[in-house]
Amino acid sequence: MPYNSITDLPAQVSKPLPKHAKEIFKEAFNSAEEQYQKEETAFKVAWSAVKEKYSKNDNGEWVKKE
């Protein structure tokens, strides 16, 4: 199921991520879901895409990599 907007993302994604990371997640998820047609795979691809640009700091918050 593709997400039309970042407000449609599930809580486990939308709560911890900053806005830009949510956008990355949504785009990567939608693309992977269309390509692989498996939600589990799409989630893995989307998280991987987020982790290319963001990481968790010592407080467990997602921050943009430098």
PDB file of N, CA and C in Angstrom:
ATOM      1  N   MET A   1       0.848  -1.175   0.000  1.00  0.00           N
ATOM      2  CA  MET A   1       0.000   0.000   0.000  1.00  0.00           C
ATOM      3  C   MET A   1       0.890   1.232   0.000  1.00  0.00           C
ATOM      4  N   PRO A   2       0.882   1.977  -1.061  1.00  0.00           N
ATOM      5  CA  PRO A   2       1.718   3.188  -1.111  1.00  0.00           C
ATOM      6  C   PRO A   2       1.177   4.281  -0.189  1.00  0.00           C
ATOM      7  N   TYR A   3       2.074   5.116   0.270  1.00  0.00           N
ATOM      8  CA  TYR A   3       1.693   6.245   1.129  1.00  0.00           C
ATOM      9  C   TYR A   3       1.605   7.503   0.277  1.00  0.00           C
ATOM     10  N   ASN A   4       0.476   8.199   0.378  1.00  0.00           N
ATOM     11  CA  ASN A   4       0.261   9.415  -0.403  1.00  0.00           C
ATOM     12  C   ASN A   4       0.970  10.621   0.191  1.00  0.00           C
ATOM     13  N   SER A   5       1.139  10.624   1.495  1.00  0.00           N
ATOM     14  CA  SER A   5       1.792  11.750   2.159  1.00  0.00           C
ATOM     15  C   SER A   5       2.488  11.247   3.417  1.00  0.00           C
ATOM     16  N   ILE A   6       3.385  12.083   3.964  1.00  0.00           N
ATOM     17  CA  ILE A   6       4.101  11.663   5.174  1.00  0.00           C
ATOM     18  C   ILE A   6       3.159  11.540   6.365  1.00  0.00           C
ATOM     19  N   THR A   7       2.008  12.186   6.308  1.00  0.00           N
ATOM     20  CA  THR A   7       1.040  12.057   7.407  1.00  0.00           C
ATOM     21  C   THR A   7       0.386  10.684   7.420  1.00  0.00           C
ATOM     22  N   ASP A   8       0.503   9.944   6.327  1.00  0.00           N
ATOM     23  CA  ASP A   8      -0.059   8.593   6.251  1.00  0.00           C
ATOM     24  C   ASP A   8       0.878   7.528   6.810  1.00  0.00           C
ATOM     25  N   LEU A   9       2.124   7.886   7.080  1.00  0.00           N
ATOM     26  CA  LEU A   9       3.093   6.907   7.561  1.00  0.00           C
ATOM     27  C   LEU A   9       2.686   6.359   8.925  1.00  0.00           C
ATOM     28  N   PRO A  10       3.019   5.100   9.207  1.00  0.00           N
ATOM     29  CA  PRO A  10       2.699   4.530  10.519  1.00  0.00           C
ATOM     30  C   PRO A  10       3.473   5.230  11.640  1.00  0.00           C
ATOM     31  N   ALA A  11       2.938   5.169  12.838  1.00  0.00           N
ATOM     32  CA  ALA A  11       3.515   5.870  13.992  1.00  0.00           C
ATOM     33  C   ALA A  11       4.964   5.475  14.246  1.00  0.00           C
ATOM     34  N   GLN A  12       5.317   4.208  14.058  1.00  0.00           N
ATOM     35  CA  GLN A  12       6.695   3.781  14.332  1.00  0.00           C
ATOM     36  C   GLN A  12       7.689   4.420  13.375  1.00  0.00           C
ATOM     37  N   VAL A  13       7.194   4.990  12.294  1.00  0.00           N
ATOM     38  CA  VAL A  13       8.038   5.719  11.349  1.00  0.00           C
ATOM     39  C   VAL A  13       7.929   7.222  11.590  1.00  0.00           C
ATOM     40  N   SER A  14       6.712   7.715  11.693  1.00  0.00           N
ATOM     41  CA  SER A  14       6.508   9.169  11.734  1.00  0.00           C
ATOM     42  C   SER A  14       6.916   9.809  13.056  1.00  0.00           C
ATOM     43  N   LYS A  15       6.778   9.111  14.158  1.00  0.00           N
ATOM     44  CA  LYS A  15       7.125   9.725  15.449  1.00  0.00           C
ATOM     45  C   LYS A  15       8.617  10.019  15.596  1.00  0.00           C
ATOM     46  N   PRO A  16       9.497   9.058  15.301  1.00  0.00           N
ATOM     47  CA  PRO A  16      10.909   9.333  15.575  1.00  0.00           C
ATOM     48  C   PRO A  16      11.646  10.125  14.495  1.00  0.00           C
ATOM     49  N   LEU A  17      11.121  10.156  13.273  1.00  0.00           N
ATOM     50  CA  LEU A  17      11.889  10.745  12.175  1.00  0.00           C
ATOM     51  C   LEU A  17      11.590  12.222  11.952  1.00  0.00           C
ATOM     52  N   PRO A  18      12.623  13.006  11.600  1.00  0.00           N
ATOM     53  CA  PRO A  18      12.390  14.390  11.183  1.00  0.00           C
ATOM     54  C   PRO A  18      11.700  14.412   9.807  1.00  0.00           C
ATOM     55  N   LYS A  19      11.166  15.560   9.437  1.00  0.00           N
ATOM     56  CA  LYS A  19      10.362  15.677   8.221  1.00  0.00           C
ATOM     57  C   LYS A  19      11.091  15.170   6.973  1.00  0.00           C
ATOM     58  N   HIS A  20      12.321  15.609   6.758  1.00  0.00           N
ATOM     59  CA  HIS A  20      13.046  15.189   5.556  1.00  0.00           C
ATOM     60  C   HIS A  20      13.241  13.676   5.521  1.00  0.00           C
ATOM     61  N   ALA A  21      13.528  13.079   6.657  1.00  0.00           N
ATOM     62  CA  ALA A  21      13.697  11.627   6.727  1.00  0.00           C
ATOM     63  C   ALA A  21      12.387  10.916   6.430  1.00  0.00           C
ATOM     64  N   LYS A  22      11.280  11.488   6.859  1.00  0.00           N
ATOM     65  CA  LYS A  22       9.958  10.919   6.536  1.00  0.00           C
ATOM     66  C   LYS A  22       9.723  10.940   5.035  1.00  0.00           C
ATOM     67  N   GLU A  23      10.122  12.026   4.386  1.00  0.00           N
ATOM     68  CA  GLU A  23       9.966  12.135   2.935  1.00  0.00           C
ATOM     69  C   GLU A  23      10.813  11.079   2.221  1.00  0.00           C
ATOM     70  N   ILE A  24      12.035  10.890   2.695  1.00  0.00           N
ATOM     71  CA  ILE A  24      12.906   9.861   2.126  1.00  0.00           C
ATOM     72  C   ILE A  24      12.263   8.492   2.300  1.00  0.00           C
ATOM     73  N   PHE A  25      11.768   8.216   3.495  1.00  0.00           N
ATOM     74  CA  PHE A  25      11.145   6.930   3.783  1.00  0.00           C
ATOM     75  C   PHE A  25       9.963   6.689   2.856  1.00  0.00           C
ATOM     76  N   LYS A  26       9.087   7.677   2.736  1.00  0.00           N
ATOM     77  CA  LYS A  26       7.873   7.536   1.913  1.00  0.00           C
ATOM     78  C   LYS A  26       8.227   7.240   0.461  1.00  0.00           C
ATOM     79  N   GLU A  27       9.147   8.020  -0.104  1.00  0.00           N
ATOM     80  CA  GLU A  27       9.512   7.826  -1.506  1.00  0.00           C
ATOM     81  C   GLU A  27      10.165   6.462  -1.730  1.00  0.00           C
ATOM     82  N   ALA A  28      11.066   6.085  -0.842  1.00  0.00           N
ATOM     83  CA  ALA A  28      11.746   4.794  -0.979  1.00  0.00           C
ATOM     84  C   ALA A  28      10.765   3.639  -0.791  1.00  0.00           C
ATOM     85  N   PHE A  29       9.878   3.768   0.184  1.00  0.00           N
ATOM     86  CA  PHE A  29       8.887   2.715   0.424  1.00  0.00           C
ATOM     87  C   PHE A  29       7.996   2.539  -0.796  1.00  0.00           C
ATOM     88  N   ASN A  30       7.452   3.632  -1.308  1.00  0.00           N
ATOM     89  CA  ASN A  30       6.536   3.549  -2.446  1.00  0.00           C
ATOM     90  C   ASN A  30       7.221   2.926  -3.667  1.00  0.00           C
ATOM     91  N   SER A  31       8.451   3.328  -3.920  1.00  0.00           N
ATOM     92  CA  SER A  31       9.191   2.789  -5.056  1.00  0.00           C
ATOM     93  C   SER A  31       9.459   1.290  -4.874  1.00  0.00           C
ATOM     94  N   ALA A  32       9.915   0.910  -3.702  1.00  0.00           N
ATOM     95  CA  ALA A  32      10.230  -0.498  -3.436  1.00  0.00           C
ATOM     96  C   ALA A  32       8.974  -1.361  -3.425  1.00  0.00           C
ATOM     97  N   GLU A  33       7.897  -0.820  -2.906  1.00  0.00           N
ATOM     98  CA  GLU A  33       6.643  -1.580  -2.860  1.00  0.00           C
ATOM     99  C   GLU A  33       6.131  -1.832  -4.276  1.00  0.00           C
ATOM    100  N   GLU A  34       6.275  -0.855  -5.124  1.00  0.00           N
ATOM    101  CA  GLU A  34       5.866  -1.017  -6.519  1.00  0.00           C
ATOM    102  C   GLU A  34       6.761  -2.041  -7.223  1.00  0.00           C
ATOM    103  N   GLN A  35       8.051  -1.970  -6.940  1.00  0.00           N
ATOM    104  CA  GLN A  35       9.000  -2.861  -7.604  1.00  0.00           C
ATOM    105  C   GLN A  35       8.908  -4.298  -7.104  1.00  0.00           C
ATOM    106  N   TYR A  36       8.890  -4.482  -5.779  1.00  0.00           N
ATOM    107  CA  TYR A  36       8.950  -5.827  -5.207  1.00  0.00           C
ATOM    108  C   TYR A  36       7.583  -6.392  -4.832  1.00  0.00           C
ATOM    109  N   GLN A  37       6.608  -5.527  -4.666  1.00  0.00           N
ATOM    110  CA  GLN A  37       5.242  -5.906  -4.291  1.00  0.00           C
ATOM    111  C   GLN A  37       5.200  -6.731  -3.004  1.00  0.00           C
ATOM    112  N   LYS A  38       6.105  -6.399  -2.085  1.00  0.00           N
ATOM    113  CA  LYS A  38       6.145  -7.025  -0.763  1.00  0.00           C
ATOM    114  C   LYS A  38       6.356  -5.924   0.258  1.00  0.00           C
ATOM    115  N   GLU A  39       5.423  -5.798   1.170  1.00  0.00           N
ATOM    116  CA  GLU A  39       5.495  -4.720   2.156  1.00  0.00           C
ATOM    117  C   GLU A  39       6.729  -4.847   3.045  1.00  0.00           C
ATOM    118  N   GLU A  40       7.059  -6.059   3.447  1.00  0.00           N
ATOM    119  CA  GLU A  40       8.215  -6.266   4.322  1.00  0.00           C
ATOM    120  C   GLU A  40       9.503  -5.801   3.643  1.00  0.00           C
ATOM    121  N   THR A  41       9.662  -6.134   2.383  1.00  0.00           N
ATOM    122  CA  THR A  41      10.838  -5.714   1.628  1.00  0.00           C
ATOM    123  C   THR A  41      10.856  -4.197   1.469  1.00  0.00           C
ATOM    124  N   ALA A  42       9.692  -3.616   1.204  1.00  0.00           N
ATOM    125  CA  ALA A  42       9.604  -2.160   1.037  1.00  0.00           C
ATOM    126  C   ALA A  42      10.014  -1.437   2.315  1.00  0.00           C
ATOM    127  N   PHE A  43       9.618  -1.960   3.478  1.00  0.00           N
ATOM    128  CA  PHE A  43      10.026  -1.349   4.747  1.00  0.00           C
ATOM    129  C   PHE A  43      11.536  -1.421   4.921  1.00  0.00           C
ATOM    130  N   LYS A  44      12.133  -2.555   4.579  1.00  0.00           N
ATOM    131  CA  LYS A  44      13.587  -2.693   4.709  1.00  0.00           C
ATOM    132  C   LYS A  44      14.318  -1.716   3.793  1.00  0.00           C
ATOM    133  N   VAL A  45      13.851  -1.601   2.565  1.00  0.00           N
ATOM    134  CA  VAL A  45      14.466  -0.682   1.611  1.00  0.00           C
ATOM    135  C   VAL A  45      14.326   0.761   2.099  1.00  0.00           C
ATOM    136  N   ALA A  46      13.135   1.109   2.591  1.00  0.00           N
ATOM    137  CA  ALA A  46      12.884   2.472   3.050  1.00  0.00           C
ATOM    138  C   ALA A  46      13.764   2.827   4.250  1.00  0.00           C
ATOM    139  N   TRP A  47      13.875   1.925   5.212  1.00  0.00           N
ATOM    140  CA  TRP A  47      14.735   2.200   6.366  1.00  0.00           C
ATOM    141  C   TRP A  47      16.193   2.324   5.933  1.00  0.00           C
ATOM    142  N   SER A  48      16.585   1.509   4.986  1.00  0.00           N
ATOM    143  CA  SER A  48      17.951   1.580   4.483  1.00  0.00           C
ATOM    144  C   SER A  48      18.214   2.940   3.829  1.00  0.00           C
ATOM    145  N   ALA A  49      17.249   3.430   3.092  1.00  0.00           N
ATOM    146  CA  ALA A  49      17.382   4.744   2.447  1.00  0.00           C
ATOM    147  C   ALA A  49      17.511   5.853   3.489  1.00  0.00           C
ATOM    148  N   VAL A  50      16.730   5.760   4.553  1.00  0.00           N
ATOM    149  CA  VAL A  50      16.812   6.756   5.633  1.00  0.00           C
ATOM    150  C   VAL A  50      18.190   6.706   6.282  1.00  0.00           C
ATOM    151  N   LYS A  51      18.680   5.503   6.521  1.00  0.00           N
ATOM    152  CA  LYS A  51      19.959   5.337   7.209  1.00  0.00           C
ATOM    153  C   LYS A  51      21.157   5.798   6.383  1.00  0.00           C
ATOM    154  N   GLU A  52      20.963   6.005   5.073  1.00  0.00           N
ATOM    155  CA  GLU A  52      22.039   6.562   4.253  1.00  0.00           C
ATOM    156  C   GLU A  52      22.287   8.026   4.593  1.00  0.00           C
ATOM    157  N   LYS A  53      21.244   8.744   4.998  1.00  0.00           N
ATOM    158  CA  LYS A  53      21.335  10.183   5.264  1.00  0.00           C
ATOM    159  C   LYS A  53      21.192  10.542   6.745  1.00  0.00           C
ATOM    160  N   TYR A  54      20.624   9.643   7.545  1.00  0.00           N
ATOM    161  CA  TYR A  54      20.356   9.924   8.953  1.00  0.00           C
ATOM    162  C   TYR A  54      20.892   8.805   9.831  1.00  0.00           C
ATOM    163  N   SER A  55      21.204   9.167  11.071  1.00  0.00           N
ATOM    164  CA  SER A  55      21.597   8.172  12.066  1.00  0.00           C
ATOM    165  C   SER A  55      21.064   8.622  13.417  1.00  0.00           C
ATOM    166  N   LYS A  56      21.056   7.682  14.357  1.00  0.00           N
ATOM    167  CA  LYS A  56      20.602   8.016  15.705  1.00  0.00           C
ATOM    168  C   LYS A  56      21.768   8.590  16.498  1.00  0.00           C
ATOM    169  N   ASN A  57      21.484   9.644  17.251  1.00  0.00           N
ATOM    170  CA  ASN A  57      22.521  10.209  18.114  1.00  0.00           C
ATOM    171  C   ASN A  57      22.520   9.484  19.460  1.00  0.00           C
ATOM    172  N   ASP A  58      23.319   9.968  20.403  1.00  0.00           N
ATOM    173  CA  ASP A  58      23.435   9.320  21.713  1.00  0.00           C
ATOM    174  C   ASP A  58      22.123   9.335  22.495  1.00  0.00           C
ATOM    175  N   ASN A  59      21.221  10.259  22.162  1.00  0.00           N
ATOM    176  CA  ASN A  59      19.924  10.349  22.831  1.00  0.00           C
ATOM    177  C   ASN A  59      18.853   9.522  22.125  1.00  0.00           C
ATOM    178  N   GLY A  60      19.230   8.812  21.064  1.00  0.00           N
ATOM    179  CA  GLY A  60      18.281   7.994  20.334  1.00  0.00           C
ATOM    180  C   GLY A  60      17.428   8.771  19.334  1.00  0.00           C
ATOM    181  N   GLU A  61      17.829  10.012  19.047  1.00  0.00           N
ATOM    182  CA  GLU A  61      17.097  10.835  18.094  1.00  0.00           C
ATOM    183  C   GLU A  61      17.739  10.710  16.719  1.00  0.00           C
ATOM    184  N   TRP A  62      16.897  10.711  15.682  1.00  0.00           N
ATOM    185  CA  TRP A  62      17.400  10.663  14.318  1.00  0.00           C
ATOM    186  C   TRP A  62      17.891  12.036  13.905  1.00  0.00           C
ATOM    187  N   VAL A  63      19.146  12.095  13.465  1.00  0.00           N
ATOM    188  CA  VAL A  63      19.750  13.353  13.015  1.00  0.00           C
ATOM    189  C   VAL A  63      20.430  13.138  11.668  1.00  0.00           C
ATOM    190  N   LYS A  64      20.512  14.222  10.900  1.00  0.00           N
ATOM    191  CA  LYS A  64      21.140  14.157   9.582  1.00  0.00           C
ATOM    192  C   LYS A  64      22.636  13.926   9.740  1.00  0.00           C
ATOM    193  N   LYS A  65      23.169  13.016   8.928  1.00  0.00           N
ATOM    194  CA  LYS A  65      24.609  12.767   8.939  1.00  0.00           C
ATOM    195  C   LYS A  65      25.338  13.951   8.335  1.00  0.00           C
ATOM    196  N   GLU A  66      26.548  14.165   8.809  1.00  0.00           N
ATOM    197  CA  GLU A  66      27.354  15.271   8.280  1.00  0.00           C
ATOM    198  C   GLU A  66      28.208  14.834   7.123  1.00  0.00           C
TER     199      GLU A  66
END
